[in-house]
Amino acid sequence: MDGMYSETLAGLILDLLAEEPMSGFDLGRALAKRHGITFPDGEGLLYAALVQMEKAGWIDGSWTEGEPGIRRRLYRLPVLVSAGEESE
């Protein structure tokens, strides 16, 4: 992500995901409702931010099945393991 807008967007996404896992669509709706952020040229910036955040390890994404036959990518904060714990 590049620039202050993208950094602010990432912070808002992290705040929303701290509450609950969300799809990109739901994140877009929450950003519009809570912060008045809209994407007039489509949600490409939002999805680009999600891809970059996932690559950086800031968020985790997994495909889920929503309504019958509709797949969506659900994003959540990663589960952090403390230094004294072992991951399975």
Protein backbone atom coordinates (compact mmCIF):
# COMPACT_ATOMS: atom_id res chain seq x y z
CA MET A 1 0.00 0.00 0.00
CA ASP A 2 1.22 3.43 -0.76
CA GLY A 3 0.52 6.81 0.82
CA MET A 4 -1.34 8.13 3.82
CA TYR A 5 -4.80 7.19 2.48
CA SER A 6 -3.82 3.54 2.18
CA GLU A 7 -2.28 3.53 5.66
CA THR A 8 -5.44 5.08 7.08
CA LEU A 9 -7.55 2.55 5.18
CA ALA A 10 -5.46 -0.30 6.59
CA GLY A 11 -5.96 1.03 10.12
CA LEU A 12 -9.72 1.24 9.65
CA ILE A 13 -9.81 -2.28 8.22
CA LEU A 14 -7.84 -3.61 11.20
CA ASP A 15 -10.22 -1.85 13.61
CA LEU A 16 -13.25 -3.42 11.92
CA LEU A 17 -11.69 -6.88 11.84
CA ALA A 18 -10.85 -6.59 15.55
CA GLU A 19 -14.61 -6.70 16.12
CA GLU A 20 -15.42 -9.67 13.87
CA PRO A 21 -14.35 -11.43 10.66
CA MET A 22 -15.82 -9.84 7.53
CA SER A 23 -15.90 -10.31 3.78
CA GLY A 24 -14.56 -7.60 1.51
CA PHE A 25 -18.12 -6.66 0.63
CA ASP A 26 -19.08 -6.32 4.29
CA LEU A 27 -15.92 -4.31 4.99
CA GLY A 28 -16.86 -1.91 2.20
CA ARG A 29 -20.34 -1.46 3.65
CA ALA A 30 -18.98 -0.94 7.19
CA LEU A 31 -16.43 1.62 5.96
CA ALA A 32 -19.20 3.55 4.22
CA LYS A 33 -21.60 3.39 7.15
CA ARG A 34 -19.17 4.16 9.99
CA HIS A 35 -16.60 6.39 8.32
CA GLY A 36 -18.29 7.73 5.19
CA ILE A 37 -15.64 6.13 2.99
CA THR A 38 -16.91 5.20 -0.44
CA PHE A 39 -15.10 3.92 -3.50
CA PRO A 40 -16.49 5.88 -6.47
CA ASP A 41 -14.37 3.97 -8.98
CA GLY A 42 -15.37 0.61 -7.53
CA GLU A 43 -13.86 -1.26 -4.64
CA GLY A 44 -10.53 -1.99 -6.35
CA LEU A 45 -8.62 0.05 -3.77
CA LEU A 46 -10.24 -1.87 -0.92
CA TYR A 47 -9.47 -5.27 -2.44
CA ALA A 48 -5.91 -4.20 -3.30
CA ALA A 49 -5.44 -3.15 0.33
CA LEU A 50 -6.80 -6.50 1.55
CA VAL A 51 -4.43 -8.44 -0.73
CA GLN A 52 -1.43 -6.40 0.46
CA MET A 53 -2.42 -6.74 4.11
CA GLU A 54 -2.83 -10.50 3.72
CA LYS A 55 0.57 -10.83 2.00
CA ALA A 56 2.17 -8.82 4.83
CA GLY A 57 0.59 -11.15 7.41
CA TRP A 58 -1.57 -8.41 8.97
CA ILE A 59 -4.79 -10.32 8.21
CA ASP A 60 -5.81 -13.85 7.26
CA GLY A 61 -8.26 -14.64 4.49
CA SER A 62 -10.09 -17.86 3.75
CA TRP A 63 -12.78 -18.87 1.27
CA THR A 64 -16.15 -19.71 2.77
CA GLU A 65 -19.50 -20.67 1.33
CA GLY A 66 -22.19 -18.11 2.07
CA GLU A 67 -25.59 -18.45 0.49
CA PRO A 68 -25.91 -21.68 -1.47
CA GLY A 69 -23.33 -21.68 -4.23
CA ILE A 70 -21.86 -18.26 -3.34
CA ARG A 71 -18.26 -18.25 -2.20
CA ARG A 72 -16.71 -15.29 -0.47
CA ARG A 73 -13.37 -14.50 1.09
CA LEU A 74 -13.63 -13.94 4.82
CA TYR A 75 -10.94 -11.80 6.46
CA ARG A 76 -9.92 -11.90 10.11
CA LEU A 77 -7.03 -10.88 12.31
CA PRO A 78 -4.41 -13.62 12.60
CA VAL A 79 -4.21 -15.68 15.76
CA LEU A 80 -0.99 -14.73 17.48
CA VAL A 81 0.96 -17.33 19.43
CA SER A 82 3.05 -16.10 22.32
CA ALA A 83 6.73 -17.09 22.55
CA GLY A 84 6.02 -19.69 25.25
CA GLU A 85 3.31 -21.50 23.28
CA GLU A 86 3.78 -24.05 20.54
CA SER A 87 1.61 -24.03 17.45
CA GLU A 88 0.12 -27.27 16.23
